Amino acid sequence: MRSISAVRAPYVAPVPGQLAEMREEMEEYNRSPAALAGMEGAMRTARTSLYPYVAGARDRHAMAARIMCAQESTHLRQARLYYADSETTARVRPSAPPVRRPPAG
């Protein structure tokens, strides 16, 4: 698993062949102690908009973190991956329904 660096580097989009590996790495990370600790910290300091509640949990923050990380791992495992680049978008756009925007003002 790659380490996450705090240094901001210019974004480089992954090539399509990297998507499956990246998904596996994200799914693995969500099962790691580091992910659980980070999520638990977010739960304890109210830095999350979702908070699963389990009645009777001895440590509600730790339980909520385990649930959230497990759900994210499940979502990643079950996700269907798509890669869209400018060429794909240009081909699909003519057949897409028009986007309705609300009136300005």
C-alpha atoms as a PDB file:
ATOM      1  CA  MET A   1       0.000   0.000   0.000  1.00  0.00           C
ATOM      2  CA  ARG A   2       1.278   3.474  -0.868  1.00  0.00           C
ATOM      3  CA  SER A   3       1.706   6.032   1.868  1.00  0.00           C
ATOM      4  CA  ILE A   4      -0.238   9.260   1.751  1.00  0.00           C
ATOM      5  CA  SER A   5       1.935  12.343   1.735  1.00  0.00           C
ATOM      6  CA  ALA A   6       0.992  15.734   3.139  1.00  0.00           C
ATOM      7  CA  VAL A   7       2.950  17.434   0.335  1.00  0.00           C
ATOM      8  CA  ARG A   8       0.669  18.755  -2.411  1.00  0.00           C
ATOM      9  CA  ALA A   9       1.808  17.675  -5.822  1.00  0.00           C
ATOM     10  CA  PRO A  10       0.151  18.547  -9.119  1.00  0.00           C
ATOM     11  CA  TYR A  11      -2.741  16.194  -9.860  1.00  0.00           C
ATOM     12  CA  VAL A  12      -2.016  13.564 -12.465  1.00  0.00           C
ATOM     13  CA  ALA A  13      -5.049  11.596 -13.608  1.00  0.00           C
ATOM     14  CA  PRO A  14      -4.623   7.830 -13.440  1.00  0.00           C
ATOM     15  CA  VAL A  15      -4.539   5.819 -16.605  1.00  0.00           C
ATOM     16  CA  PRO A  16      -7.468   3.390 -16.973  1.00  0.00           C
ATOM     17  CA  GLY A  17      -5.268   0.400 -16.187  1.00  0.00           C
ATOM     18  CA  GLN A  18      -4.513   1.823 -12.724  1.00  0.00           C
ATOM     19  CA  LEU A  19      -8.125   2.116 -11.565  1.00  0.00           C
ATOM     20  CA  ALA A  20      -8.549  -1.469 -10.363  1.00  0.00           C
ATOM     21  CA  GLU A  21      -5.291  -1.335  -8.403  1.00  0.00           C
ATOM     22  CA  MET A  22      -6.209   2.031  -6.905  1.00  0.00           C
ATOM     23  CA  ARG A  23      -9.576   0.687  -5.822  1.00  0.00           C
ATOM     24  CA  GLU A  24      -7.884  -2.278  -4.131  1.00  0.00           C
ATOM     25  CA  GLU A  25      -5.483   0.068  -2.330  1.00  0.00           C
ATOM     26  CA  MET A  26      -8.323   2.304  -1.121  1.00  0.00           C
ATOM     27  CA  GLU A  27     -10.333  -0.710   0.014  1.00  0.00           C
ATOM     28  CA  GLU A  28      -7.281  -2.102   1.862  1.00  0.00           C
ATOM     29  CA  TYR A  29      -6.631   1.281   3.476  1.00  0.00           C
ATOM     30  CA  ASN A  30     -10.209   1.457   4.778  1.00  0.00           C
ATOM     31  CA  ARG A  31      -9.567  -1.757   6.695  1.00  0.00           C
ATOM     32  CA  SER A  32      -6.294  -0.473   8.218  1.00  0.00           C
ATOM     33  CA  PRO A  33      -5.706   0.783  11.769  1.00  0.00           C
ATOM     34  CA  ALA A  34      -4.760   4.196  10.333  1.00  0.00           C
ATOM     35  CA  ALA A  35      -8.120   4.565   8.578  1.00  0.00           C
ATOM     36  CA  LEU A  36     -10.001   3.484  11.693  1.00  0.00           C
ATOM     37  CA  ALA A  37      -8.040   5.932  13.851  1.00  0.00           C
ATOM     38  CA  GLY A  38      -8.673   8.778  11.420  1.00  0.00           C
ATOM     39  CA  MET A  39     -12.374   8.016  11.162  1.00  0.00           C
ATOM     40  CA  GLU A  40     -12.678   7.632  14.925  1.00  0.00           C
ATOM     41  CA  GLY A  41     -11.002  11.022  15.369  1.00  0.00           C
ATOM     42  CA  ALA A  42     -13.473  12.551  12.942  1.00  0.00           C
ATOM     43  CA  MET A  43     -16.339  10.998  14.897  1.00  0.00           C
ATOM     44  CA  ARG A  44     -15.020  12.204  18.257  1.00  0.00           C
ATOM     45  CA  THR A  45     -14.559  15.786  17.038  1.00  0.00           C
ATOM     46  CA  ALA A  46     -17.815  15.948  15.028  1.00  0.00           C
ATOM     47  CA  ARG A  47     -16.019  16.389  11.695  1.00  0.00           C
ATOM     48  CA  THR A  48     -18.368  14.113   9.805  1.00  0.00           C
ATOM     49  CA  SER A  49     -21.919  14.507   8.602  1.00  0.00           C
ATOM     50  CA  LEU A  50     -22.712  10.792   8.933  1.00  0.00           C
ATOM     51  CA  TYR A  51     -22.699   9.101  12.298  1.00  0.00           C
ATOM     52  CA  PRO A  52     -24.062   5.576  12.637  1.00  0.00           C
ATOM     53  CA  TYR A  53     -25.487   4.954  16.087  1.00  0.00           C
ATOM     54  CA  VAL A  54     -25.318   1.557  17.761  1.00  0.00           C
ATOM     55  CA  ALA A  55     -27.335   1.300  20.963  1.00  0.00           C
ATOM     56  CA  GLY A  56     -25.312  -0.104  23.837  1.00  0.00           C
ATOM     57  CA  ALA A  57     -21.902   0.274  22.194  1.00  0.00           C
ATOM     58  CA  ARG A  58     -19.182   0.583  24.815  1.00  0.00           C
ATOM     59  CA  ASP A  59     -17.314   3.173  22.715  1.00  0.00           C
ATOM     60  CA  ARG A  60     -19.784   4.735  20.293  1.00  0.00           C
ATOM     61  CA  HIS A  61     -17.087   6.637  18.362  1.00  0.00           C
ATOM     62  CA  ALA A  62     -14.972   3.529  17.753  1.00  0.00           C
ATOM     63  CA  MET A  63     -18.057   1.515  16.753  1.00  0.00           C
ATOM     64  CA  ALA A  64     -19.204   4.256  14.377  1.00  0.00           C
ATOM     65  CA  ALA A  65     -15.731   4.379  12.809  1.00  0.00           C
ATOM     66  CA  ARG A  66     -15.703   0.601  12.277  1.00  0.00           C
ATOM     67  CA  ILE A  67     -19.118   0.763  10.606  1.00  0.00           C
ATOM     68  CA  MET A  68     -18.170   3.668   8.331  1.00  0.00           C
ATOM     69  CA  CYS A  69     -14.857   2.116   7.252  1.00  0.00           C
ATOM     70  CA  ALA A  70     -16.499  -1.265   6.633  1.00  0.00           C
ATOM     71  CA  GLN A  71     -19.237   0.342   4.535  1.00  0.00           C
ATOM     72  CA  GLU A  72     -16.692   2.256   2.466  1.00  0.00           C
ATOM     73  CA  SER A  73     -14.730  -0.958   1.862  1.00  0.00           C
ATOM     74  CA  THR A  74     -17.935  -2.669   0.734  1.00  0.00           C
ATOM     75  CA  HIS A  75     -18.801   0.215  -1.604  1.00  0.00           C
ATOM     76  CA  LEU A  76     -15.336   0.085  -3.154  1.00  0.00           C
ATOM     77  CA  ARG A  77     -15.463  -3.710  -3.600  1.00  0.00           C
ATOM     78  CA  GLN A  78     -18.867  -3.551  -5.275  1.00  0.00           C
ATOM     79  CA  ALA A  79     -18.223  -0.440  -7.386  1.00  0.00           C
ATOM     80  CA  ARG A  80     -18.288  -0.574 -11.149  1.00  0.00           C
ATOM     81  CA  LEU A  81     -15.433   1.544 -12.440  1.00  0.00           C
ATOM     82  CA  TYR A  82     -15.668   3.785 -15.463  1.00  0.00           C
ATOM     83  CA  TYR A  83     -13.017   5.934 -17.045  1.00  0.00           C
ATOM     84  CA  ALA A  84     -14.152   9.002 -18.939  1.00  0.00           C
ATOM     85  CA  ASP A  85     -11.721  11.156 -20.860  1.00  0.00           C
ATOM     86  CA  SER A  86     -12.331  14.048 -23.256  1.00  0.00           C
ATOM     87  CA  GLU A  87     -12.676  11.691 -26.244  1.00  0.00           C
ATOM     88  CA  THR A  88     -15.303   9.546 -24.504  1.00  0.00           C
ATOM     89  CA  THR A  89     -17.174  12.624 -23.330  1.00  0.00           C
ATOM     90  CA  ALA A  90     -17.195  14.108 -26.846  1.00  0.00           C
ATOM     91  CA  ARG A  91     -18.701  10.874 -28.231  1.00  0.00           C
ATOM     92  CA  VAL A  92     -21.419  10.621 -25.597  1.00  0.00           C
ATOM     93  CA  ARG A  93     -22.430  14.274 -25.319  1.00  0.00           C
ATOM     94  CA  PRO A  94     -24.456  14.457 -28.574  1.00  0.00           C
ATOM     95  CA  SER A  95     -26.749  11.620 -27.443  1.00  0.00           C
ATOM     96  CA  ALA A  96     -27.132  12.839 -23.843  1.00  0.00           C
ATOM     97  CA  PRO A  97     -30.329  14.635 -22.804  1.00  0.00           C
ATOM     98  CA  PRO A  98     -29.945  18.386 -22.386  1.00  0.00           C
ATOM     99  CA  VAL A  99     -29.071  19.654 -18.930  1.00  0.00           C
ATOM    100  CA  ARG A 100     -31.843  21.802 -17.482  1.00  0.00           C
ATOM    101  CA  ARG A 101     -30.506  24.722 -15.542  1.00  0.00           C
ATOM    102  CA  PRO A 102     -32.661  26.847 -13.260  1.00  0.00           C
ATOM    103  CA  PRO A 103     -33.295  30.389 -14.452  1.00  0.00           C
ATOM    104  CA  ALA A 104     -30.734  32.920 -13.292  1.00  0.00           C
ATOM    105  CA  GLY A 105     -31.743  35.368 -10.632  1.00  0.00           C
END
